[in-house]
Protein backbone atom coordinates (compact mmCIF):
# COMPACT_ATOMS: atom_id res chain seq x y z
CA UNK A 1 -47.17 32.79 -25.51
CA UNK A 2 -46.77 32.97 -21.72
CA UNK A 3 -44.82 35.98 -20.43
CA UNK A 4 -43.30 33.89 -17.62
CA UNK A 5 -42.03 30.34 -17.85
CA UNK A 6 -43.04 27.46 -15.60
CA UNK A 7 -40.26 27.98 -13.08
CA UNK A 8 -40.95 31.70 -12.74
CA UNK A 9 -44.67 31.12 -12.20
CA UNK A 10 -44.10 28.49 -9.52
CA UNK A 11 -41.62 30.84 -7.83
CA UNK A 12 -44.22 33.61 -7.75
CA UNK A 13 -46.77 31.28 -6.17
CA UNK A 14 -44.15 30.07 -3.68
CA UNK A 15 -43.36 33.68 -2.72
CA UNK A 16 -46.90 34.84 -1.96
CA UNK A 17 -48.77 31.53 -1.39
CA UNK A 18 -52.05 33.14 -2.54
CA UNK A 19 -53.74 33.20 -5.95
CA UNK A 20 -56.84 35.41 -6.28
CA UNK A 21 -59.61 33.85 -8.38
CA UNK A 22 -61.95 36.21 -10.24
CA UNK A 23 -64.29 36.57 -13.21
CA UNK A 24 -66.31 39.48 -14.55
CA UNK A 25 -67.65 39.97 -18.05
CA UNK A 26 -66.81 43.68 -17.87
CA UNK A 27 -63.17 44.03 -18.84
CA UNK A 28 -62.86 47.39 -17.08
CA UNK A 29 -63.99 45.87 -13.79
CA UNK A 30 -61.57 42.99 -14.31
CA UNK A 31 -58.72 45.42 -14.96
CA UNK A 32 -59.42 47.31 -11.75
CA UNK A 33 -59.50 44.09 -9.73
CA UNK A 34 -56.25 42.81 -11.24
CA UNK A 35 -54.50 46.14 -10.57
CA UNK A 36 -55.85 46.29 -6.99
CA UNK A 37 -54.57 42.79 -6.30
CA UNK A 38 -51.21 43.64 -7.82
CA UNK A 39 -50.92 46.80 -5.73
CA UNK A 40 -51.79 44.65 -2.70
CA UNK A 41 -48.79 42.39 -3.34
CA UNK A 42 -50.28 39.62 -5.50
CA UNK A 43 -48.01 38.21 -8.21
CA UNK A 44 -50.12 35.33 -9.59
CA UNK A 45 -53.76 35.90 -10.57
CA UNK A 46 -56.36 33.45 -11.91
CA UNK A 47 -59.06 34.75 -14.26
CA UNK A 48 -61.74 32.09 -14.50
CA UNK A 49 -63.25 30.88 -17.76
CA UNK A 50 -66.81 31.24 -16.51
CA UNK A 51 -68.81 33.31 -19.03
CA UNK A 52 -69.48 33.67 -22.74
CA UNK A 53 -66.53 35.23 -24.58
CA UNK A 54 -64.45 35.09 -21.40
CA UNK A 55 -61.39 34.54 -23.57
CA UNK A 56 -61.87 37.98 -25.14
CA UNK A 57 -61.83 39.61 -21.72
CA UNK A 58 -58.75 37.58 -20.87
CA UNK A 59 -56.96 38.73 -24.03
CA UNK A 60 -57.44 42.36 -23.03
CA UNK A 61 -56.32 41.61 -19.48
CA UNK A 62 -53.07 40.10 -20.75
CA UNK A 63 -52.28 43.28 -22.68
CA UNK A 64 -53.27 45.45 -19.72
CA UNK A 65 -51.26 43.46 -17.18
CA UNK A 66 -48.15 43.54 -19.37
CA UNK A 67 -48.22 47.33 -19.20
CA UNK A 68 -49.59 48.02 -15.71
CA UNK A 69 -48.59 44.93 -13.69
CA UNK A 70 -45.22 43.89 -15.17
CA UNK A 71 -44.42 41.20 -12.59
CA UNK A 72 -47.86 39.57 -12.60
CA UNK A 73 -48.30 36.01 -13.89
CA UNK A 74 -51.84 35.96 -15.28
CA UNK A 75 -53.41 32.52 -15.52
CA UNK A 76 -56.75 31.00 -16.40
CA UNK A 77 -59.08 28.85 -14.32
CA UNK A 78 -62.10 26.57 -14.72
CA UNK A 79 -60.43 24.73 -17.61
CA UNK A 80 -61.78 21.21 -18.19
CA UNK A 81 -60.49 20.28 -21.66
CA UNK A 82 -57.35 20.52 -23.77
CA UNK A 83 -58.72 22.73 -26.61
CA UNK A 84 -59.75 25.43 -24.16
CA UNK A 85 -56.39 25.24 -22.40
CA UNK A 86 -54.64 25.65 -25.75
CA UNK A 87 -56.79 28.65 -26.63
CA UNK A 88 -55.87 30.47 -23.44
CA UNK A 89 -52.21 29.58 -23.70
CA UNK A 90 -52.20 31.04 -27.19
CA UNK A 91 -53.61 34.23 -25.66
CA UNK A 92 -50.80 34.32 -23.09
CA UNK A 93 -51.95 32.34 -20.05
CA UNK A 94 -48.99 31.76 -17.73
CA UNK A 95 -50.70 28.88 -15.91
CA UNK A 96 -53.82 26.77 -16.23
CA UNK A 97 -56.12 25.74 -13.38
CA UNK A 98 -59.05 23.30 -13.49
CA UNK A 99 -61.79 22.03 -11.19
CA UNK A 100 -60.83 18.47 -12.18
CA UNK A 101 -57.84 16.53 -13.47
CA UNK A 102 -57.73 15.90 -17.22
CA UNK A 103 -54.58 14.17 -18.51
CA UNK A 104 -55.14 15.70 -21.96
CA UNK A 105 -54.82 19.17 -20.45
CA UNK A 106 -51.60 18.07 -18.74
CA UNK A 107 -50.17 17.04 -22.11
CA UNK A 108 -50.80 20.35 -23.89
CA UNK A 109 -49.56 22.33 -20.90
CA UNK A 110 -46.42 20.22 -20.51
CA UNK A 111 -45.67 20.65 -24.19
CA UNK A 112 -45.39 24.42 -23.65
CA UNK A 113 -43.93 24.21 -20.12
CA UNK A 114 -46.98 25.96 -18.68
CA UNK A 115 -47.95 24.91 -15.12
CA UNK A 116 -51.19 22.93 -14.89
CA UNK A 117 -52.91 22.97 -11.49
CA UNK A 118 -55.74 20.42 -11.61
CA UNK A 119 -58.59 20.05 -9.14
CA UNK A 120 -58.29 16.89 -7.05
CA UNK A 121 -60.49 15.42 -4.33
CA UNK A 122 -58.59 12.31 -3.28
CA UNK A 123 -55.14 10.86 -2.73
CA UNK A 124 -55.55 8.83 -5.93
CA UNK A 125 -56.33 11.91 -8.05
CA UNK A 126 -53.37 13.78 -6.61
CA UNK A 127 -51.16 10.79 -7.38
CA UNK A 128 -52.32 10.57 -11.00
CA UNK A 129 -51.88 14.32 -11.45
CA UNK A 130 -48.34 14.17 -10.11
CA UNK A 131 -47.53 11.31 -12.48
CA UNK A 132 -48.70 13.59 -15.32
CA UNK A 133 -46.24 16.30 -14.26
CA UNK A 134 -48.43 18.57 -12.12
CA UNK A 135 -46.21 20.30 -9.57
CA UNK A 136 -49.12 21.84 -7.66
CA UNK A 137 -52.52 20.17 -7.18
CA UNK A 138 -55.69 22.04 -6.27
CA UNK A 139 -57.74 20.57 -3.45
CA UNK A 140 -61.31 21.42 -4.42
CA UNK A 141 -63.79 22.18 -3.00
CA UNK A 142 -61.75 23.06 0.06
CA UNK A 143 -64.62 23.91 2.38
CA UNK A 144 -66.13 20.47 1.75
CA UNK A 145 -62.93 18.45 1.99
CA UNK A 146 -61.61 20.30 5.10
CA UNK A 147 -58.11 20.88 6.56
CA UNK A 148 -58.20 17.40 8.10
CA UNK A 149 -58.11 15.89 4.62
CA UNK A 150 -55.09 18.00 3.68
CA UNK A 151 -53.23 16.87 6.80
CA UNK A 152 -54.20 13.27 6.18
CA UNK A 153 -53.20 13.39 2.51
CA UNK A 154 -49.75 14.73 3.30
CA UNK A 155 -48.96 11.81 5.59
CA UNK A 156 -48.39 9.35 2.71
CA UNK A 157 -47.55 12.08 0.14
CA UNK A 158 -45.38 14.56 2.09
CA UNK A 159 -43.79 15.97 -1.05
CA UNK A 160 -47.13 17.27 -2.33
CA UNK A 161 -47.78 20.96 -2.93
CA UNK A 162 -51.50 21.50 -2.41
CA UNK A 163 -53.44 24.64 -3.32
CA UNK A 164 -56.71 24.92 -1.41
CA UNK A 165 -59.58 26.55 -3.29
CA UNK A 166 -63.23 26.87 -2.40
CA UNK A 167 -64.46 28.55 0.74
CA UNK A 168 -61.08 30.00 1.72
CA UNK A 169 -61.54 33.28 3.60
CA UNK A 170 -59.08 36.16 4.13
CA UNK A 171 -59.21 35.83 7.91
CA UNK A 172 -56.49 34.89 10.36
CA UNK A 173 -58.52 31.96 11.70
CA UNK A 174 -59.28 30.42 8.31
CA UNK A 175 -55.89 30.94 6.68
CA UNK A 176 -53.96 29.79 9.74
CA UNK A 177 -56.03 26.60 9.89
CA UNK A 178 -55.25 25.73 6.27
CA UNK A 179 -51.53 26.41 6.50
CA UNK A 180 -51.16 24.59 9.80
CA UNK A 181 -52.76 21.59 8.10
CA UNK A 182 -50.02 21.72 5.46
CA UNK A 183 -51.47 23.75 2.59
CA UNK A 184 -48.83 25.02 0.20
CA UNK A 185 -50.95 27.90 -1.07
CA UNK A 186 -54.57 29.01 -1.39
CA UNK A 187 -56.85 30.18 -4.15
CA UNK A 188 -59.31 32.81 -2.97
CA UNK A 189 -62.36 34.13 -4.79
CA UNK A 190 -65.66 35.57 -3.62
CA UNK A 191 -64.57 36.17 -0.03
CA UNK A 192 -61.74 38.36 -1.28
CA UNK A 193 -64.04 40.26 -3.65
CA UNK A 194 -67.43 40.84 -1.97
CA UNK A 195 -70.10 41.70 -4.54
CA UNK A 196 -71.02 44.92 -2.78
CA UNK A 197 -67.41 46.14 -2.83
CA UNK A 198 -67.04 45.35 -6.53
CA UNK A 199 -70.38 47.05 -7.31
CA UNK A 200 -69.26 50.12 -5.37
CA UNK A 201 -65.90 50.05 -7.17
CA UNK A 202 -64.12 50.07 -3.83
CA UNK A 203 -60.77 48.99 -5.20
CA UNK A 204 -58.87 50.21 -2.15
CA UNK A 205 -60.75 47.59 -0.13
CA UNK A 206 -59.30 44.91 -2.43
CA UNK A 207 -55.79 46.35 -2.10
CA UNK A 208 -56.03 46.39 1.68
CA UNK A 209 -57.60 42.95 1.93
CA UNK A 210 -54.87 41.41 -0.25
CA UNK A 211 -52.16 43.00 1.89
CA UNK A 212 -53.86 41.78 5.03
CA UNK A 213 -54.25 38.23 3.73
CA UNK A 214 -50.68 38.05 2.50
CA UNK A 215 -49.47 39.25 5.91
CA UNK A 216 -51.44 36.52 7.67
CA UNK A 217 -50.12 33.89 5.27
CA UNK A 218 -46.52 35.02 5.76
CA UNK A 219 -46.88 34.34 9.48
CA UNK A 220 -48.79 31.09 9.11
CA UNK A 221 -46.87 29.25 6.40
């Protein structure tokens, strides 16, 4: 069962406007990354369902975060079907993110009042997702769709809360461009966790980069 309810999770996202996105098959590496992000000010973290037995890593992360990161809402990403969403919610996922919109996922998430953030690439997809109860929609892939699309989409749908994921970088130029276009929040992966920094176990780099990104976002939003 989720540690935080739907309203608490959305409030955490609204407070920071950034959701780190990460996967590693080594649970110890994943723990270090989660803790570094938490120490850097992050309060909502997406662990992606990318590898074999990823759910087992996630289960251990949930237990770890409960003890070491008490205010962190830990969610799952890369979810494309309802059974997988249900599995992760049973393990304690506080929110569910997908690369696409699947109404069956919306149903199982709504039943448990767990936020579902689906991937959308058009005004029509965002509209259908909102009809299904999705409070936040992920614009994916962001680097392909561009800030111009976000600005254009918000003209007819100004109430929309859009999370940009894909190609978002922790730089003042990139983040400012997205938020000026109207982004509600961003999901940030590889550019927040360079492979060489993870390999070197430079967790302080992650802490500092999260703090820096959150500071830029606070000014830009």
